[in-house]
PDB file of all heavy atoms in Angstrom:
ATOM      1  N   LEU A   1       0.921  -1.191  -0.032  1.00  0.00           N
ATOM      2  CA  LEU A   1      -0.004   0.043  -0.002  1.00  0.00           C
ATOM      3  C   LEU A   1       0.890   1.283  -0.057  1.00  0.00           C
ATOM      4  O   LEU A   1       1.679   1.420   0.892  1.00  0.00           O
ATOM      5  CB  LEU A   1      -0.928   0.098   1.252  1.00  0.00           C
ATOM      6  CG  LEU A   1      -1.731   1.308   1.439  1.00  0.00           C
ATOM      7  CD1 LEU A   1      -2.717   1.438   0.247  1.00  0.00           C
ATOM      8  CD2 LEU A   1      -2.553   1.253   2.714  1.00  0.00           C
ATOM      9  N   VAL A   2       0.664   2.123  -0.982  1.00  0.00           N
ATOM     10  CA  VAL A   2       1.573   3.321  -1.125  1.00  0.00           C
ATOM     11  C   VAL A   2       0.778   4.502  -0.720  1.00  0.00           C
ATOM     12  O   VAL A   2      -0.402   4.696  -1.194  1.00  0.00           O
ATOM     13  CB  VAL A   2       1.938   3.431  -2.596  1.00  0.00           C
ATOM     14  CG1 VAL A   2       2.819   4.681  -2.813  1.00  0.00           C
ATOM     15  CG2 VAL A   2       2.788   2.179  -3.069  1.00  0.00           C
ATOM     16  N   THR A   3       1.340   5.345   0.057  1.00  0.00           N
ATOM     17  CA  THR A   3       0.806   6.642   0.437  1.00  0.00           C
ATOM     18  C   THR A   3       1.882   7.726   0.311  1.00  0.00           C
ATOM     19  O   THR A   3       3.057   7.301   0.290  1.00  0.00           O
ATOM     20  CB  THR A   3       0.261   6.632   1.913  1.00  0.00           C
ATOM     21  OG1 THR A   3       1.294   6.197   2.799  1.00  0.00           O
ATOM     22  CG2 THR A   3      -0.911   5.669   2.023  1.00  0.00           C
ATOM     23  N   THR A   4       1.403   8.944   0.298  1.00  0.00           N
ATOM     24  CA  THR A   4       2.381  10.122   0.136  1.00  0.00           C
ATOM     25  C   THR A   4       2.640  10.711   1.564  1.00  0.00           C
ATOM     26  O   THR A   4       1.648  11.079   2.258  1.00  0.00           O
ATOM     27  CB  THR A   4       1.882  11.164  -0.843  1.00  0.00           C
ATOM     28  OG1 THR A   4       1.764  10.603  -2.085  1.00  0.00           O
ATOM     29  CG2 THR A   4       2.913  12.313  -0.849  1.00  0.00           C
ATOM     30  N   VAL A   5       3.836  10.736   2.031  1.00  0.00           N
ATOM     31  CA  VAL A   5       4.185  11.142   3.366  1.00  0.00           C
ATOM     32  C   VAL A   5       4.305  12.713   3.382  1.00  0.00           C
ATOM     33  O   VAL A   5       3.804  13.429   4.294  1.00  0.00           O
ATOM     34  CB  VAL A   5       5.469  10.556   3.820  1.00  0.00           C
ATOM     35  CG1 VAL A   5       6.021  11.184   5.084  1.00  0.00           C
ATOM     36  CG2 VAL A   5       5.307   9.129   4.024  1.00  0.00           C
ATOM     37  N   ALA A   6       5.119  13.258   2.404  1.00  0.00           N
ATOM     38  CA  ALA A   6       5.323  14.707   2.405  1.00  0.00           C
ATOM     39  C   ALA A   6       5.576  15.109   0.947  1.00  0.00           C
ATOM     40  O   ALA A   6       6.069  14.392   0.134  1.00  0.00           O
ATOM     41  CB  ALA A   6       6.492  14.964   3.274  1.00  0.00           C
ATOM     42  N   GLY A   7       5.308  16.416   0.782  1.00  0.00           N
ATOM     43  CA  GLY A   7       5.503  17.043  -0.548  1.00  0.00           C
ATOM     44  C   GLY A   7       4.193  16.977  -1.373  1.00  0.00           C
ATOM     45  O   GLY A   7       3.247  16.278  -0.994  1.00  0.00           O
ATOM     46  N   LEU A   8       4.160  17.727  -2.432  1.00  0.00           N
ATOM     47  CA  LEU A   8       2.975  17.767  -3.317  1.00  0.00           C
ATOM     48  C   LEU A   8       3.448  17.449  -4.737  1.00  0.00           C
ATOM     49  O   LEU A   8       4.300  18.032  -5.324  1.00  0.00           O
ATOM     50  CB  LEU A   8       2.360  19.114  -3.315  1.00  0.00           C
ATOM     51  CG  LEU A   8       1.040  19.366  -4.060  1.00  0.00           C
ATOM     52  CD1 LEU A   8      -0.040  18.403  -3.491  1.00  0.00           C
ATOM     53  CD2 LEU A   8       0.652  20.741  -4.111  1.00  0.00           C
ATOM     54  N   ALA A   9       2.868  16.349  -5.240  1.00  0.00           N
ATOM     55  CA  ALA A   9       3.292  15.725  -6.524  1.00  0.00           C
ATOM     56  C   ALA A   9       3.291  16.854  -7.668  1.00  0.00           C
ATOM     57  O   ALA A   9       2.354  17.547  -7.885  1.00  0.00           O
ATOM     58  CB  ALA A   9       2.408  14.636  -6.933  1.00  0.00           C
ATOM     59  N   GLY A  10       4.454  16.996  -8.290  1.00  0.00           N
ATOM     60  CA  GLY A  10       4.570  17.798  -9.482  1.00  0.00           C
ATOM     61  C   GLY A  10       4.866  19.243  -9.180  1.00  0.00           C
ATOM     62  O   GLY A  10       5.090  20.044  -9.990  1.00  0.00           O
ATOM     63  N   VAL A  11       4.931  19.551  -7.838  1.00  0.00           N
ATOM     64  CA  VAL A  11       5.176  20.910  -7.390  1.00  0.00           C
ATOM     65  C   VAL A  11       6.510  20.943  -6.648  1.00  0.00           C
ATOM     66  O   VAL A  11       6.558  20.414  -5.524  1.00  0.00           O
ATOM     67  CB  VAL A  11       4.027  21.498  -6.527  1.00  0.00           C
ATOM     68  CG1 VAL A  11       4.312  22.937  -6.137  1.00  0.00           C
ATOM     69  CG2 VAL A  11       2.724  21.383  -7.287  1.00  0.00           C
ATOM     70  N   TRP A  12       7.488  21.566  -7.112  1.00  0.00           N
ATOM     71  CA  TRP A  12       8.719  21.605  -6.431  1.00  0.00           C
ATOM     72  C   TRP A  12       9.012  22.962  -5.742  1.00  0.00           C
ATOM     73  O   TRP A  12       8.331  23.916  -6.053  1.00  0.00           O
ATOM     74  CB  TRP A  12       9.853  21.327  -7.445  1.00  0.00           C
ATOM     75  CG  TRP A  12      10.106  22.273  -8.506  1.00  0.00           C
ATOM     76  CD1 TRP A  12       9.558  22.245  -9.799  1.00  0.00           C
ATOM     77  CD2 TRP A  12      10.972  23.500  -8.490  1.00  0.00           C
ATOM     78  NE1 TRP A  12       9.925  23.322 -10.538  1.00  0.00           N
ATOM     79  CE2 TRP A  12      10.792  24.090  -9.758  1.00  0.00           C
ATOM     80  CE3 TRP A  12      11.753  24.076  -7.573  1.00  0.00           C
ATOM     81  CZ2 TRP A  12      11.438  25.306 -10.104  1.00  0.00           C
ATOM     82  CZ3 TRP A  12      12.349  25.226  -7.861  1.00  0.00           C
ATOM     83  CH2 TRP A  12      12.309  25.869  -9.146  1.00  0.00           C
ATOM     84  N   GLY A  13       9.876  22.947  -4.780  1.00  0.00           N
ATOM     85  CA  GLY A  13      10.192  24.114  -3.947  1.00  0.00           C
ATOM     86  C   GLY A  13      11.071  23.727  -2.828  1.00  0.00           C
ATOM     87  O   GLY A  13      11.660  22.655  -2.753  1.00  0.00           O
ATOM     88  N   ASN A  14      11.169  24.552  -1.743  1.00  0.00           N
ATOM     89  CA  ASN A  14      12.000  24.299  -0.632  1.00  0.00           C
ATOM     90  C   ASN A  14      11.337  24.628   0.713  1.00  0.00           C
ATOM     91  O   ASN A  14      11.982  24.770   1.735  1.00  0.00           O
ATOM     92  CB  ASN A  14      13.257  25.009  -0.740  1.00  0.00           C
ATOM     93  CG  ASN A  14      13.057  26.606  -0.813  1.00  0.00           C
ATOM     94  OD1 ASN A  14      12.280  27.139  -0.016  1.00  0.00           O
ATOM     95  ND2 ASN A  14      13.757  27.216  -1.718  1.00  0.00           N
ATOM     96  N   ALA A  15      10.089  24.728   0.744  1.00  0.00           N
ATOM     97  CA  ALA A  15       9.259  25.095   1.915  1.00  0.00           C
ATOM     98  C   ALA A  15       9.284  23.965   2.972  1.00  0.00           C
ATOM     99  O   ALA A  15       8.993  22.819   2.640  1.00  0.00           O
ATOM    100  CB  ALA A  15       7.893  25.470   1.551  1.00  0.00           C
ATOM    101  N   ASP A  16       9.537  24.356   4.307  1.00  0.00           N
ATOM    102  CA  ASP A  16       9.339  23.520   5.363  1.00  0.00           C
ATOM    103  C   ASP A  16       7.825  23.452   5.666  1.00  0.00           C
ATOM    104  O   ASP A  16       7.170  24.565   5.419  1.00  0.00           O
ATOM    105  CB  ASP A  16      10.177  23.915   6.589  1.00  0.00           C
ATOM    106  CG  ASP A  16      11.634  23.617   6.494  1.00  0.00           C
ATOM    107  OD1 ASP A  16      12.002  22.795   5.604  1.00  0.00           O
ATOM    108  OD2 ASP A  16      12.477  24.301   7.124  1.00  0.00           O
ATOM    109  N   GLY A  17       7.382  22.371   6.318  1.00  0.00           N
ATOM    110  CA  GLY A  17       5.999  22.476   6.664  1.00  0.00           C
ATOM    111  C   GLY A  17       5.536  21.038   6.914  1.00  0.00           C
ATOM    112  O   GLY A  17       6.317  20.102   7.129  1.00  0.00           O
ATOM    113  N   THR A  18       4.217  20.857   7.069  1.00  0.00           N
ATOM    114  CA  THR A  18       3.625  19.628   7.389  1.00  0.00           C
ATOM    115  C   THR A  18       2.905  18.960   6.133  1.00  0.00           C
ATOM    116  O   THR A  18       2.171  19.623   5.396  1.00  0.00           O
ATOM    117  CB  THR A  18       2.552  19.787   8.484  1.00  0.00           C
ATOM    118  OG1 THR A  18       3.161  20.359   9.555  1.00  0.00           O
ATOM    119  CG2 THR A  18       1.896  18.484   8.824  1.00  0.00           C
ATOM    120  N   ASN A  19       3.258  17.614   6.017  1.00  0.00           N
ATOM    121  CA  ASN A  19       2.592  16.835   4.915  1.00  0.00           C
ATOM    122  C   ASN A  19       2.725  17.428   3.510  1.00  0.00           C
ATOM    123  O   ASN A  19       3.824  17.807   3.129  1.00  0.00           O
ATOM    124  CB  ASN A  19       1.081  16.578   5.330  1.00  0.00           C
ATOM    125  CG  ASN A  19       0.957  15.836   6.540  1.00  0.00           C
ATOM    126  OD1 ASN A  19       1.837  15.132   7.039  1.00  0.00           O
ATOM    127  ND2 ASN A  19      -0.183  16.037   7.231  1.00  0.00           N
ATOM    128  N   SER A  20       1.569  17.778   2.806  1.00  0.00           N
ATOM    129  CA  SER A  20       1.653  18.253   1.466  1.00  0.00           C
ATOM    130  C   SER A  20       2.028  19.748   1.444  1.00  0.00           C
ATOM    131  O   SER A  20       2.293  20.240   0.279  1.00  0.00           O
ATOM    132  CB  SER A  20       0.370  18.019   0.720  1.00  0.00           C
ATOM    133  OG  SER A  20      -0.752  18.700   1.432  1.00  0.00           O
ATOM    134  N   ARG A  21       2.144  20.388   2.601  1.00  0.00           N
ATOM    135  CA  ARG A  21       2.579  21.804   2.567  1.00  0.00           C
ATOM    136  C   ARG A  21       4.037  22.000   2.408  1.00  0.00           C
ATOM    137  O   ARG A  21       4.501  23.075   2.061  1.00  0.00           O
ATOM    138  CB  ARG A  21       2.005  22.507   3.752  1.00  0.00           C
ATOM    139  CG  ARG A  21       0.508  22.732   3.827  1.00  0.00           C
ATOM    140  CD  ARG A  21       0.087  23.662   4.932  1.00  0.00           C
ATOM    141  NE  ARG A  21       0.198  23.052   6.212  1.00  0.00           N
ATOM    142  CZ  ARG A  21      -0.697  22.327   6.704  1.00  0.00           C
ATOM    143  NH1 ARG A  21      -1.753  21.991   6.054  1.00  0.00           N
ATOM    144  NH2 ARG A  21      -0.518  21.767   8.006  1.00  0.00           N
ATOM    145  N   ALA A  22       4.759  20.868   2.672  1.00  0.00           N
ATOM    146  CA  ALA A  22       6.197  20.897   2.473  1.00  0.00           C
ATOM    147  C   ALA A  22       6.536  20.752   1.005  1.00  0.00           C
ATOM    148  O   ALA A  22       5.758  20.211   0.164  1.00  0.00           O
ATOM    149  CB  ALA A  22       6.912  19.780   3.235  1.00  0.00           C
ATOM    150  N   ARG A  23       7.629  21.196   0.616  1.00  0.00           N
ATOM    151  CA  ARG A  23       8.145  21.231  -0.797  1.00  0.00           C
ATOM    152  C   ARG A  23       9.534  20.687  -0.898  1.00  0.00           C
ATOM    153  O   ARG A  23      10.422  21.078   0.002  1.00  0.00           O
ATOM    154  CB  ARG A  23       8.135  22.542  -1.500  1.00  0.00           C
ATOM    155  CG  ARG A  23       6.685  23.182  -1.554  1.00  0.00           C
ATOM    156  CD  ARG A  23       5.841  22.397  -2.554  1.00  0.00           C
ATOM    157  NE  ARG A  23       4.471  23.082  -2.676  1.00  0.00           N
ATOM    158  CZ  ARG A  23       3.350  22.714  -2.007  1.00  0.00           C
ATOM    159  NH1 ARG A  23       3.561  21.743  -0.990  1.00  0.00           N
ATOM    160  NH2 ARG A  23       2.280  23.359  -2.151  1.00  0.00           N
ATOM    161  N   PHE A  24       9.805  19.868  -1.884  1.00  0.00           N
ATOM    162  CA  PHE A  24      11.128  19.294  -2.152  1.00  0.00           C
ATOM    163  C   PHE A  24      11.449  19.587  -3.632  1.00  0.00           C
ATOM    164  O   PHE A  24      10.617  19.910  -4.424  1.00  0.00           O
ATOM    165  CB  PHE A  24      11.157  17.728  -1.906  1.00  0.00           C
ATOM    166  CG  PHE A  24      10.831  17.367  -0.483  1.00  0.00           C
ATOM    167  CD1 PHE A  24       9.525  17.189  -0.194  1.00  0.00           C
ATOM    168  CD2 PHE A  24      11.880  17.222   0.376  1.00  0.00           C
ATOM    169  CE1 PHE A  24       9.198  16.782   1.130  1.00  0.00           C
ATOM    170  CE2 PHE A  24      11.544  16.767   1.695  1.00  0.00           C
ATOM    171  CZ  PHE A  24      10.214  16.559   2.105  1.00  0.00           C
ATOM    172  N   PHE A  25      12.717  19.363  -3.971  1.00  0.00           N
ATOM    173  CA  PHE A  25      13.173  19.528  -5.427  1.00  0.00           C
ATOM    174  C   PHE A  25      14.157  18.385  -5.646  1.00  0.00           C
ATOM    175  O   PHE A  25      15.251  18.386  -5.200  1.00  0.00           O
ATOM    176  CB  PHE A  25      13.900  20.879  -5.524  1.00  0.00           C
ATOM    177  CG  PHE A  25      14.245  21.185  -7.027  1.00  0.00           C
ATOM    178  CD1 PHE A  25      13.638  20.600  -8.020  1.00  0.00           C
ATOM    179  CD2 PHE A  25      15.230  22.202  -7.204  1.00  0.00           C
ATOM    180  CE1 PHE A  25      14.051  20.861  -9.357  1.00  0.00           C
ATOM    181  CE2 PHE A  25      15.573  22.457  -8.563  1.00  0.00           C
ATOM    182  CZ  PHE A  25      15.058  21.869  -9.610  1.00  0.00           C
ATOM    183  N   LEU A  26      13.770  17.409  -6.387  1.00  0.00           N
ATOM    184  CA  LEU A  26      14.538  16.198  -6.743  1.00  0.00           C
ATOM    185  C   LEU A  26      15.170  15.523  -5.519  1.00  0.00           C
ATOM    186  O   LEU A  26      16.308  15.410  -5.454  1.00  0.00           O
ATOM    187  CB  LEU A  26      15.630  16.569  -7.750  1.00  0.00           C
ATOM    188  CG  LEU A  26      15.233  17.208  -9.061  1.00  0.00           C
ATOM    189  CD1 LEU A  26      16.363  17.650  -9.861  1.00  0.00           C
ATOM    190  CD2 LEU A  26      14.352  16.251  -9.844  1.00  0.00           C
ATOM    191  N   PRO A  27      14.347  15.118  -4.526  1.00  0.00           N
ATOM    192  CA  PRO A  27      14.917  14.357  -3.361  1.00  0.00           C
ATOM    193  C   PRO A  27      15.452  13.032  -3.853  1.00  0.00           C
ATOM    194  O   PRO A  27      14.945  12.385  -4.743  1.00  0.00           O
ATOM    195  CB  PRO A  27      13.708  14.245  -2.467  1.00  0.00           C
ATOM    196  CG  PRO A  27      12.460  14.185  -3.432  1.00  0.00           C
ATOM    197  CD  PRO A  27      12.860  15.199  -4.531  1.00  0.00           C
ATOM    198  N   GLN A  28      16.499  12.631  -3.190  1.00  0.00           N
ATOM    199  CA  GLN A  28      17.156  11.364  -3.622  1.00  0.00           C
ATOM    200  C   GLN A  28      17.483  10.372  -2.452  1.00  0.00           C
ATOM    201  O   GLN A  28      16.784   9.513  -2.149  1.00  0.00           O
ATOM    202  CB  GLN A  28      18.358  11.603  -4.473  1.00  0.00           C
ATOM    203  CG  GLN A  28      17.926  12.348  -5.925  1.00  0.00           C
ATOM    204  CD  GLN A  28      18.976  12.088  -6.954  1.00  0.00           C
ATOM    205  OE1 GLN A  28      19.227  11.047  -7.408  1.00  0.00           O
ATOM    206  NE2 GLN A  28      19.499  13.237  -7.471  1.00  0.00           N
ATOM    207  N   GLY A  29      18.625  10.710  -1.741  1.00  0.00           N
ATOM    208  CA  GLY A  29      19.010   9.733  -0.689  1.00  0.00           C
ATOM    209  C   GLY A  29      18.016   9.919   0.503  1.00  0.00           C
ATOM    210  O   GLY A  29      17.542  10.937   0.801  1.00  0.00           O
ATOM    211  N   ILE A  30      17.866   8.712   1.296  1.00  0.00           N
ATOM    212  CA  ILE A  30      17.034   8.717   2.365  1.00  0.00           C
ATOM    213  C   ILE A  30      17.455   7.645   3.419  1.00  0.00           C
ATOM    214  O   ILE A  30      17.971   6.594   3.007  1.00  0.00           O
ATOM    215  CB  ILE A  30      15.563   8.412   1.901  1.00  0.00           C
ATOM    216  CG1 ILE A  30      14.548   8.562   3.111  1.00  0.00           C
ATOM    217  CG2 ILE A  30      15.399   7.174   1.289  1.00  0.00           C
ATOM    218  CD1 ILE A  30      13.070   8.514   2.730  1.00  0.00           C
ATOM    219  N   VAL A  31      17.398   8.078   4.650  1.00  0.00           N
ATOM    220  CA  VAL A  31      17.641   7.115   5.787  1.00  0.00           C
ATOM    221  C   VAL A  31      16.628   7.210   6.825  1.00  0.00           C
ATOM    222  O   VAL A  31      16.023   8.303   7.039  1.00  0.00           O
ATOM    223  CB  VAL A  31      19.103   7.278   6.362  1.00  0.00           C
ATOM    224  CG1 VAL A  31      20.217   6.958   5.403  1.00  0.00           C
ATOM    225  CG2 VAL A  31      19.165   8.676   7.066  1.00  0.00           C
ATOM    226  N   LEU A  32      16.460   6.143   7.675  1.00  0.00           N
ATOM    227  CA  LEU A  32      15.697   6.201   8.821  1.00  0.00           C
ATOM    228  C   LEU A  32      16.498   6.435  10.109  1.00  0.00           C
ATOM    229  O   LEU A  32      17.393   5.589  10.323  1.00  0.00           O
ATOM    230  CB  LEU A  32      14.833   4.877   9.006  1.00  0.00           C
ATOM    231  CG  LEU A  32      13.722   4.663   8.012  1.00  0.00           C
ATOM    232  CD1 LEU A  32      13.602   3.294   7.568  1.00  0.00           C
ATOM    233  CD2 LEU A  32      12.432   5.163   8.610  1.00  0.00           C
ATOM    234  N   LEU A  33      16.174   7.466  10.858  1.00  0.00           N
ATOM    235  CA  LEU A  33      16.847   7.622  12.173  1.00  0.00           C
ATOM    236  C   LEU A  33      16.198   6.673  13.054  1.00  0.00           C
ATOM    237  O   LEU A  33      16.936   6.082  13.937  1.00  0.00           O
ATOM    238  CB  LEU A  33      16.700   9.035  12.629  1.00  0.00           C
ATOM    239  CG  LEU A  33      17.348  10.173  11.715  1.00  0.00           C
ATOM    240  CD1 LEU A  33      17.108  11.473  12.419  1.00  0.00           C
ATOM    241  CD2 LEU A  33      18.761   9.932  11.394  1.00  0.00           C
ATOM    242  N   ASN A  34      14.934   6.502  13.023  1.00  0.00           N
ATOM    243  CA  ASN A  34      14.083   5.579  13.884  1.00  0.00           C
ATOM    244  C   ASN A  34      12.771   5.468  13.315  1.00  0.00           C
ATOM    245  O   ASN A  34      12.618   5.973  12.131  1.00  0.00           O
ATOM    246  CB  ASN A  34      14.106   6.131  15.281  1.00  0.00           C
ATOM    247  CG  ASN A  34      13.673   7.555  15.485  1.00  0.00           C
ATOM    248  OD1 ASN A  34      12.730   7.955  14.825  1.00  0.00           O
ATOM    249  ND2 ASN A  34      14.386   8.332  16.107  1.00  0.00           N
ATOM    250  N   THR A  35      11.833   4.823  13.909  1.00  0.00           N
ATOM    251  CA  THR A  35      10.551   4.616  13.333  1.00  0.00           C
ATOM    252  C   THR A  35       9.770   5.895  13.056  1.00  0.00           C
ATOM    253  O   THR A  35       8.783   5.887  12.225  1.00  0.00           O
ATOM    254  CB  THR A  35       9.603   3.767  14.187  1.00  0.00           C
ATOM    255  OG1 THR A  35       9.558   4.360  15.510  1.00  0.00           O
ATOM    256  CG2 THR A  35      10.284   2.359  14.264  1.00  0.00           C
ATOM    257  N   SER A  36      10.159   7.019  13.679  1.00  0.00           N
ATOM    258  CA  SER A  36       9.306   8.236  13.442  1.00  0.00           C
ATOM    259  C   SER A  36      10.178   9.432  12.919  1.00  0.00           C
ATOM    260  O   SER A  36       9.585  10.537  12.850  1.00  0.00           O
ATOM    261  CB  SER A  36       8.706   8.678  14.726  1.00  0.00           C
ATOM    262  OG  SER A  36       9.566   8.805  15.752  1.00  0.00           O
ATOM    263  N   ASN A  37      11.341   9.171  12.523  1.00  0.00           N
ATOM    264  CA  ASN A  37      12.167  10.190  11.934  1.00  0.00           C
ATOM    265  C   ASN A  37      12.990   9.758  10.732  1.00  0.00           C
ATOM    266  O   ASN A  37      13.658   8.717  10.788  1.00  0.00           O
ATOM    267  CB  ASN A  37      13.186  10.780  13.026  1.00  0.00           C
ATOM    268  CG  ASN A  37      12.460  11.507  14.048  1.00  0.00           C
ATOM    269  OD1 ASN A  37      12.127  12.633  13.907  1.00  0.00           O
ATOM    270  ND2 ASN A  37      12.227  10.900  15.196  1.00  0.00           N
ATOM    271  N   LEU A  38      12.890  10.577   9.618  1.00  0.00           N
ATOM    272  CA  LEU A  38      13.714  10.314   8.357  1.00  0.00           C
ATOM    273  C   LEU A  38      14.574  11.480   8.125  1.00  0.00           C
ATOM    274  O   LEU A  38      14.302  12.575   8.566  1.00  0.00           O
ATOM    275  CB  LEU A  38      12.765  10.154   7.191  1.00  0.00           C
ATOM    276  CG  LEU A  38      11.492   9.207   7.332  1.00  0.00           C
ATOM    277  CD1 LEU A  38      10.660   9.470   6.117  1.00  0.00           C
ATOM    278  CD2 LEU A  38      11.916   7.858   7.416  1.00  0.00           C
ATOM    279  N   VAL A  39      15.661  11.270   7.390  1.00  0.00           N
ATOM    280  CA  VAL A  39      16.442  12.311   6.841  1.00  0.00           C
ATOM    281  C   VAL A  39      16.556  12.069   5.385  1.00  0.00           C
ATOM    282  O   VAL A  39      16.747  10.995   4.877  1.00  0.00           O
ATOM    283  CB  VAL A  39      17.830  12.372   7.450  1.00  0.00           C
ATOM    284  CG1 VAL A  39      18.719  13.526   6.762  1.00  0.00           C
ATOM    285  CG2 VAL A  39      17.778  12.738   8.950  1.00  0.00           C
ATOM    286  N   VAL A  40      16.377  13.141   4.536  1.00  0.00           N
ATOM    287  CA  VAL A  40      16.337  13.097   3.099  1.00  0.00           C
ATOM    288  C   VAL A  40      17.357  14.099   2.589  1.00  0.00           C
ATOM    289  O   VAL A  40      17.501  15.160   2.962  1.00  0.00           O
ATOM    290  CB  VAL A  40      14.999  13.403   2.572  1.00  0.00           C
ATOM    291  CG1 VAL A  40      14.903  13.555   1.087  1.00  0.00           C
ATOM    292  CG2 VAL A  40      13.910  12.379   3.074  1.00  0.00           C
ATOM    293  N   VAL A  41      18.034  13.626   1.532  1.00  0.00           N
ATOM    294  CA  VAL A  41      18.823  14.412   0.679  1.00  0.00           C
ATOM    295  C   VAL A  41      18.001  15.132  -0.295  1.00  0.00           C
ATOM    296  O   VAL A  41      17.485  14.458  -1.216  1.00  0.00           O
ATOM    297  CB  VAL A  41      20.055  13.722   0.033  1.00  0.00           C
ATOM    298  CG1 VAL A  41      20.807  14.619  -0.835  1.00  0.00           C
ATOM    299  CG2 VAL A  41      21.005  13.122   1.090  1.00  0.00           C
ATOM    300  N   ASP A  42      17.738  16.428  -0.205  1.00  0.00           N
ATOM    301  CA  ASP A  42      16.981  17.129  -1.228  1.00  0.00           C
ATOM    302  C   ASP A  42      17.871  17.696  -2.218  1.00  0.00           C
ATOM    303  O   ASP A  42      18.371  18.841  -2.097  1.00  0.00           O
ATOM    304  CB  ASP A  42      16.275  18.268  -0.383  1.00  0.00           C
ATOM    305  CG  ASP A  42      15.095  18.804  -1.253  1.00  0.00           C
ATOM    306  OD1 ASP A  42      14.802  18.367  -2.334  1.00  0.00           O
ATOM    307  OD2 ASP A  42      14.377  19.667  -0.719  1.00  0.00           O
ATOM    308  N   SER A  43      18.251  16.845  -3.224  1.00  0.00           N
ATOM    309  CA  SER A  43      19.369  17.115  -4.112  1.00  0.00           C
ATOM    310  C   SER A  43      19.236  18.515  -4.809  1.00  0.00           C
ATOM    311  O   SER A  43      20.324  19.308  -4.837  1.00  0.00           O
ATOM    312  CB  SER A  43      19.490  15.974  -5.121  1.00  0.00           C
ATOM    313  OG  SER A  43      19.644  14.792  -4.393  1.00  0.00           O
TER     314      SER A  43
END
């Protein structure tokens, strides 16, 4: 089952925020710090 955690499909940017209000631009690398925290390389 696939869901969207953060960002808005097709809309790029750099805004911090919650869920679809956040913006990324070509994110690539990703790691899990723990079950509730991720770090992403926003390339």
